[in-house]
Every structure is written in structure tokens, then in C-alpha cells.
Amino acid sequence: MSDLTPTSERPGLHVSKPSPSDPATGSAVCHCGASATATGDAQVKALVDGWTANHGSAHNQTGR
């Protein structure tokens, strides 16, 4: 499997949780230049919520 980590050339959101007892990890890179990483279930949920509200397809919905 190829590396799924987002980059400026391949923007996106990636979340991983290898097992229920491991903390989630996440990374996001937007085509607007914003990027973030998170570790821990609550922090990754906040990262996903922020990405959904402000980046990715949100740019297309608001015309940013």
C-alpha cells in the first residue's frame, strides 16, 4: 500500500487507529496551504471536525 499521508502535492485528510487500544493519529493538508496533525482520539476528532468545516470540500461549498 502506498503512503496515504497528505502532502501539498496530494492534499487531504488521513486518520489511523490501528487497534481499539491505540490512540488515533491524524494529519491534514489543504490546497490552501493549511496543515495540521493530531494524536489522541479527542484531538483527531477535533482535527476532522475542523477539516470538514473549514477545508477540503468546504472551500467549494463557500466559494473560498
PDB file of N, CA and C in Angstrom:
ATOM      1  N   MET A   1       0.850  -1.164   0.000  1.00  0.00           N
ATOM      2  CA  MET A   1       0.000   0.000   0.000  1.00  0.00           C
ATOM      3  C   MET A   1       0.900   1.233   0.000  1.00  0.00           C
ATOM      4  N   SER A   2       0.514   2.224  -0.739  1.00  0.00           N
ATOM      5  CA  SER A   2       1.285   3.461  -0.799  1.00  0.00           C
ATOM      6  C   SER A   2       1.037   4.303   0.449  1.00  0.00           C
ATOM      7  N   ASP A   3       1.917   5.264   0.666  1.00  0.00           N
ATOM      8  CA  ASP A   3       1.788   6.184   1.792  1.00  0.00           C
ATOM      9  C   ASP A   3       0.558   7.065   1.579  1.00  0.00           C
ATOM     10  N   LEU A   4      -0.312   7.104   2.559  1.00  0.00           N
ATOM     11  CA  LEU A   4      -1.552   7.874   2.452  1.00  0.00           C
ATOM     12  C   LEU A   4      -1.476   9.222   3.143  1.00  0.00           C
ATOM     13  N   THR A   5      -0.299   9.585   3.648  1.00  0.00           N
ATOM     14  CA  THR A   5      -0.131  10.858   4.325  1.00  0.00           C
ATOM     15  C   THR A   5      -0.314  12.004   3.340  1.00  0.00           C
ATOM     16  N   PRO A   6      -1.188  12.961   3.636  1.00  0.00           N
ATOM     17  CA  PRO A   6      -1.398  14.076   2.722  1.00  0.00           C
ATOM     18  C   PRO A   6      -0.154  14.967   2.620  1.00  0.00           C
ATOM     19  N   THR A   7       0.038  15.539   1.447  1.00  0.00           N
ATOM     20  CA  THR A   7       1.142  16.472   1.186  1.00  0.00           C
ATOM     21  C   THR A   7       0.587  17.667   0.422  1.00  0.00           C
ATOM     22  N   SER A   8       1.416  18.665   0.211  1.00  0.00           N
ATOM     23  CA  SER A   8       0.951  19.814  -0.572  1.00  0.00           C
ATOM     24  C   SER A   8       0.638  19.409  -2.015  1.00  0.00           C
ATOM     25  N   GLU A   9       1.310  18.378  -2.509  1.00  0.00           N
ATOM     26  CA  GLU A   9       1.019  17.877  -3.858  1.00  0.00           C
ATOM     27  C   GLU A   9      -0.226  16.990  -3.875  1.00  0.00           C
ATOM     28  N   ARG A  10      -0.528  16.358  -2.737  1.00  0.00           N
ATOM     29  CA  ARG A  10      -1.694  15.478  -2.593  1.00  0.00           C
ATOM     30  C   ARG A  10      -2.444  15.871  -1.322  1.00  0.00           C
ATOM     31  N   PRO A  11      -3.169  17.001  -1.330  1.00  0.00           N
ATOM     32  CA  PRO A  11      -3.867  17.431  -0.117  1.00  0.00           C
ATOM     33  C   PRO A  11      -4.951  16.444   0.289  1.00  0.00           C
ATOM     34  N   GLY A  12      -5.271  16.446   1.545  1.00  0.00           N
ATOM     35  CA  GLY A  12      -6.338  15.581   2.038  1.00  0.00           C
ATOM     36  C   GLY A  12      -6.257  15.396   3.540  1.00  0.00           C
ATOM     37  N   LEU A  13      -7.007  14.434   4.013  1.00  0.00           N
ATOM     38  CA  LEU A  13      -7.116  14.118   5.434  1.00  0.00           C
ATOM     39  C   LEU A  13      -6.833  12.638   5.592  1.00  0.00           C
ATOM     40  N   HIS A  14      -5.975  12.278   6.555  1.00  0.00           N
ATOM     41  CA  HIS A  14      -5.686  10.870   6.823  1.00  0.00           C
ATOM     42  C   HIS A  14      -5.801  10.622   8.311  1.00  0.00           C
ATOM     43  N   VAL A  15      -6.557   9.597   8.686  1.00  0.00           N
ATOM     44  CA  VAL A  15      -6.744   9.205  10.081  1.00  0.00           C
ATOM     45  C   VAL A  15      -6.400   7.730  10.203  1.00  0.00           C
ATOM     46  N   SER A  16      -5.702   7.387  11.285  1.00  0.00           N
ATOM     47  CA  SER A  16      -5.329   5.997  11.527  1.00  0.00           C
ATOM     48  C   SER A  16      -5.587   5.644  12.980  1.00  0.00           C
ATOM     49  N   LYS A  17      -6.098   4.443  13.196  1.00  0.00           N
ATOM     50  CA  LYS A  17      -6.285   3.899  14.542  1.00  0.00           C
ATOM     51  C   LYS A  17      -6.090   2.394  14.414  1.00  0.00           C
ATOM     52  N   PRO A  18      -4.835   1.934  14.559  1.00  0.00           N
ATOM     53  CA  PRO A  18      -4.516   0.529  14.298  1.00  0.00           C
ATOM     54  C   PRO A  18      -5.294  -0.482  15.134  1.00  0.00           C
ATOM     55  N   SER A  19      -5.624  -0.120  16.369  1.00  0.00           N
ATOM     56  CA  SER A  19      -6.418  -1.019  17.204  1.00  0.00           C
ATOM     57  C   SER A  19      -7.220  -0.182  18.194  1.00  0.00           C
ATOM     58  N   PRO A  20      -8.263  -0.774  18.788  1.00  0.00           N
ATOM     59  CA  PRO A  20      -9.086  -0.013  19.722  1.00  0.00           C
ATOM     60  C   PRO A  20      -8.311   0.543  20.915  1.00  0.00           C
ATOM     61  N   SER A  21      -7.219  -0.101  21.297  1.00  0.00           N
ATOM     62  CA  SER A  21      -6.459   0.362  22.458  1.00  0.00           C
ATOM     63  C   SER A  21      -5.392   1.388  22.105  1.00  0.00           C
ATOM     64  N   ASP A  22      -5.115   1.585  20.825  1.00  0.00           N
ATOM     65  CA  ASP A  22      -4.132   2.579  20.393  1.00  0.00           C
ATOM     66  C   ASP A  22      -4.792   3.932  20.189  1.00  0.00           C
ATOM     67  N   PRO A  23      -4.056   5.020  20.447  1.00  0.00           N
ATOM     68  CA  PRO A  23      -4.627   6.341  20.171  1.00  0.00           C
ATOM     69  C   PRO A  23      -4.702   6.581  18.663  1.00  0.00           C
ATOM     70  N   ALA A  24      -5.688   7.317  18.252  1.00  0.00           N
ATOM     71  CA  ALA A  24      -5.806   7.698  16.842  1.00  0.00           C
ATOM     72  C   ALA A  24      -4.724   8.721  16.517  1.00  0.00           C
ATOM     73  N   THR A  25      -4.326   8.751  15.250  1.00  0.00           N
ATOM     74  CA  THR A  25      -3.442   9.799  14.757  1.00  0.00           C
ATOM     75  C   THR A  25      -4.071  10.347  13.488  1.00  0.00           C
ATOM     76  N   GLY A  26      -3.813  11.605  13.206  1.00  0.00           N
ATOM     77  CA  GLY A  26      -4.381  12.207  12.009  1.00  0.00           C
ATOM     78  C   GLY A  26      -3.484  13.296  11.470  1.00  0.00           C
ATOM     79  N   SER A  27      -3.593  13.508  10.157  1.00  0.00           N
ATOM     80  CA  SER A  27      -2.881  14.612   9.524  1.00  0.00           C
ATOM     81  C   SER A  27      -3.756  15.150   8.406  1.00  0.00           C
ATOM     82  N   ALA A  28      -3.619  16.433   8.166  1.00  0.00           N
ATOM     83  CA  ALA A  28      -4.406  17.088   7.129  1.00  0.00           C
ATOM     84  C   ALA A  28      -3.552  18.144   6.453  1.00  0.00           C
ATOM     85  N   VAL A  29      -3.694  18.231   5.133  1.00  0.00           N
ATOM     86  CA  VAL A  29      -3.069  19.285   4.346  1.00  0.00           C
ATOM     87  C   VAL A  29      -4.111  19.751   3.348  1.00  0.00           C
ATOM     88  N   CYS A  30      -4.362  21.051   3.312  1.00  0.00           N
ATOM     89  CA  CYS A  30      -5.361  21.612   2.411  1.00  0.00           C
ATOM     90  C   CYS A  30      -4.665  22.276   1.225  1.00  0.00           C
ATOM     91  N   HIS A  31      -5.358  22.358   0.115  1.00  0.00           N
ATOM     92  CA  HIS A  31      -4.804  23.029  -1.064  1.00  0.00           C
ATOM     93  C   HIS A  31      -4.587  24.518  -0.817  1.00  0.00           C
ATOM     94  N   CYS A  32      -5.203  25.078   0.241  1.00  0.00           N
ATOM     95  CA  CYS A  32      -4.999  26.491   0.579  1.00  0.00           C
ATOM     96  C   CYS A  32      -3.690  26.716   1.334  1.00  0.00           C
ATOM     97  N   GLY A  33      -3.016  25.624   1.727  1.00  0.00           N
ATOM     98  CA  GLY A  33      -1.753  25.730   2.431  1.00  0.00           C
ATOM     99  C   GLY A  33      -1.826  25.388   3.905  1.00  0.00           C
ATOM    100  N   ALA A  34      -3.001  25.292   4.473  1.00  0.00           N
ATOM    101  CA  ALA A  34      -3.146  24.945   5.884  1.00  0.00           C
ATOM    102  C   ALA A  34      -2.772  23.483   6.099  1.00  0.00           C
ATOM    103  N   SER A  35      -2.154  23.194   7.242  1.00  0.00           N
ATOM    104  CA  SER A  35      -1.832  21.810   7.584  1.00  0.00           C
ATOM    105  C   SER A  35      -1.912  21.647   9.095  1.00  0.00           C
ATOM    106  N   ALA A  36      -2.149  20.407   9.538  1.00  0.00           N
ATOM    107  CA  ALA A  36      -2.245  20.120  10.964  1.00  0.00           C
ATOM    108  C   ALA A  36      -2.044  18.635  11.194  1.00  0.00           C
ATOM    109  N   THR A  37      -1.602  18.293  12.400  1.00  0.00           N
ATOM    110  CA  THR A  37      -1.518  16.904  12.828  1.00  0.00           C
ATOM    111  C   THR A  37      -2.150  16.803  14.203  1.00  0.00           C
ATOM    112  N   ALA A  38      -2.560  15.588  14.570  1.00  0.00           N
ATOM    113  CA  ALA A  38      -3.164  15.370  15.883  1.00  0.00           C
ATOM    114  C   ALA A  38      -2.884  13.950  16.338  1.00  0.00           C
ATOM    115  N   THR A  39      -2.779  13.787  17.653  1.00  0.00           N
ATOM    116  CA  THR A  39      -2.611  12.467  18.262  1.00  0.00           C
ATOM    117  C   THR A  39      -3.585  12.373  19.429  1.00  0.00           C
ATOM    118  N   GLY A  40      -4.276  11.262  19.509  1.00  0.00           N
ATOM    119  CA  GLY A  40      -5.279  11.054  20.551  1.00  0.00           C
ATOM    120  C   GLY A  40      -6.669  11.173  19.958  1.00  0.00           C
ATOM    121  N   ASP A  41      -7.562  10.363  20.457  1.00  0.00           N
ATOM    122  CA  ASP A  41      -8.898  10.282  19.872  1.00  0.00           C
ATOM    123  C   ASP A  41      -9.624  11.630  19.859  1.00  0.00           C
ATOM    124  N   ALA A  42      -9.614  12.355  20.957  1.00  0.00           N
ATOM    125  CA  ALA A  42     -10.329  13.634  21.014  1.00  0.00           C
ATOM    126  C   ALA A  42      -9.699  14.669  20.086  1.00  0.00           C
ATOM    127  N   GLN A  43      -8.359  14.704  20.049  1.00  0.00           N
ATOM    128  CA  GLN A  43      -7.679  15.671  19.192  1.00  0.00           C
ATOM    129  C   GLN A  43      -7.901  15.354  17.717  1.00  0.00           C
ATOM    130  N   VAL A  44      -7.911  14.070  17.363  1.00  0.00           N
ATOM    131  CA  VAL A  44      -8.149  13.691  15.969  1.00  0.00           C
ATOM    132  C   VAL A  44      -9.588  14.017  15.579  1.00  0.00           C
ATOM    133  N   LYS A  45     -10.536  13.810  16.495  1.00  0.00           N
ATOM    134  CA  LYS A  45     -11.918  14.184  16.195  1.00  0.00           C
ATOM    135  C   LYS A  45     -12.005  15.683  15.929  1.00  0.00           C
ATOM    136  N   ALA A  46     -11.308  16.496  16.725  1.00  0.00           N
ATOM    137  CA  ALA A  46     -11.305  17.948  16.516  1.00  0.00           C
ATOM    138  C   ALA A  46     -10.664  18.300  15.174  1.00  0.00           C
ATOM    139  N   LEU A  47      -9.602  17.593  14.801  1.00  0.00           N
ATOM    140  CA  LEU A  47      -8.969  17.813  13.502  1.00  0.00           C
ATOM    141  C   LEU A  47      -9.946  17.519  12.362  1.00  0.00           C
ATOM    142  N   VAL A  48     -10.638  16.404  12.447  1.00  0.00           N
ATOM    143  CA  VAL A  48     -11.612  16.034  11.406  1.00  0.00           C
ATOM    144  C   VAL A  48     -12.751  17.052  11.353  1.00  0.00           C
ATOM    145  N   ASP A  49     -13.258  17.453  12.510  1.00  0.00           N
ATOM    146  CA  ASP A  49     -14.341  18.443  12.543  1.00  0.00           C
ATOM    147  C   ASP A  49     -13.892  19.769  11.922  1.00  0.00           C
ATOM    148  N   GLY A  50     -12.678  20.204  12.252  1.00  0.00           N
ATOM    149  CA  GLY A  50     -12.153  21.444  11.682  1.00  0.00           C
ATOM    150  C   GLY A  50     -11.939  21.347  10.186  1.00  0.00           C
ATOM    151  N   TRP A  51     -11.430  20.217   9.728  1.00  0.00           N
ATOM    152  CA  TRP A  51     -11.217  19.988   8.293  1.00  0.00           C
ATOM    153  C   TRP A  51     -12.558  20.040   7.557  1.00  0.00           C
ATOM    154  N   THR A  52     -13.550  19.354   8.120  1.00  0.00           N
ATOM    155  CA  THR A  52     -14.863  19.299   7.487  1.00  0.00           C
ATOM    156  C   THR A  52     -15.500  20.686   7.409  1.00  0.00           C
ATOM    157  N   ALA A  53     -15.343  21.474   8.453  1.00  0.00           N
ATOM    158  CA  ALA A  53     -15.973  22.793   8.500  1.00  0.00           C
ATOM    159  C   ALA A  53     -15.225  23.844   7.688  1.00  0.00           C
ATOM    160  N   ASN A  54     -13.901  23.720   7.569  1.00  0.00           N
ATOM    161  CA  ASN A  54     -13.114  24.824   7.029  1.00  0.00           C
ATOM    162  C   ASN A  54     -12.225  24.521   5.825  1.00  0.00           C
ATOM    163  N   HIS A  55     -12.025  23.259   5.500  1.00  0.00           N
ATOM    164  CA  HIS A  55     -11.083  22.909   4.434  1.00  0.00           C
ATOM    165  C   HIS A  55     -11.681  21.832   3.540  1.00  0.00           C
ATOM    166  N   GLY A  56     -10.863  21.312   2.627  1.00  0.00           N
ATOM    167  CA  GLY A  56     -11.344  20.269   1.731  1.00  0.00           C
ATOM    168  C   GLY A  56     -12.530  20.746   0.920  1.00  0.00           C
ATOM    169  N   SER A  57     -13.591  19.993   0.961  1.00  0.00           N
ATOM    170  CA  SER A  57     -14.766  20.349   0.167  1.00  0.00           C
ATOM    171  C   SER A  57     -15.470  21.596   0.689  1.00  0.00           C
ATOM    172  N   ALA A  58     -15.186  22.023   1.933  1.00  0.00           N
ATOM    173  CA  ALA A  58     -15.800  23.253   2.468  1.00  0.00           C
ATOM    174  C   ALA A  58     -15.415  24.460   1.613  1.00  0.00           C
ATOM    175  N   HIS A  59     -14.232  24.452   1.017  1.00  0.00           N
ATOM    176  CA  HIS A  59     -13.826  25.545   0.146  1.00  0.00           C
ATOM    177  C   HIS A  59     -14.760  25.658  -1.062  1.00  0.00           C
ATOM    178  N   ASN A  60     -15.166  24.537  -1.587  1.00  0.00           N
ATOM    179  CA  ASN A  60     -16.049  24.542  -2.752  1.00  0.00           C
ATOM    180  C   ASN A  60     -17.468  24.977  -2.368  1.00  0.00           C
ATOM    181  N   GLN A  61     -17.909  24.647  -1.172  1.00  0.00           N
ATOM    182  CA  GLN A  61     -19.269  24.992  -0.756  1.00  0.00           C
ATOM    183  C   GLN A  61     -19.429  26.471  -0.489  1.00  0.00           C
ATOM    184  N   THR A  62     -18.355  27.133  -0.028  1.00  0.00           N
ATOM    185  CA  THR A  62     -18.488  28.528   0.345  1.00  0.00           C
ATOM    186  C   THR A  62     -17.871  29.466  -0.694  1.00  0.00           C
ATOM    187  N   GLY A  63     -17.272  28.885  -1.731  1.00  0.00           N
ATOM    188  CA  GLY A  63     -16.689  29.696  -2.776  1.00  0.00           C
ATOM    189  C   GLY A  63     -15.386  30.351  -2.391  1.00  0.00           C
ATOM    190  N   ARG A  64     -14.704  29.824  -1.358  1.00  0.00           N
ATOM    191  CA  ARG A  64     -13.411  30.383  -0.943  1.00  0.00           C
ATOM    192  C   ARG A  64     -12.332  30.072  -1.921  1.00  0.00           C
TER     193      ARG A  64
END
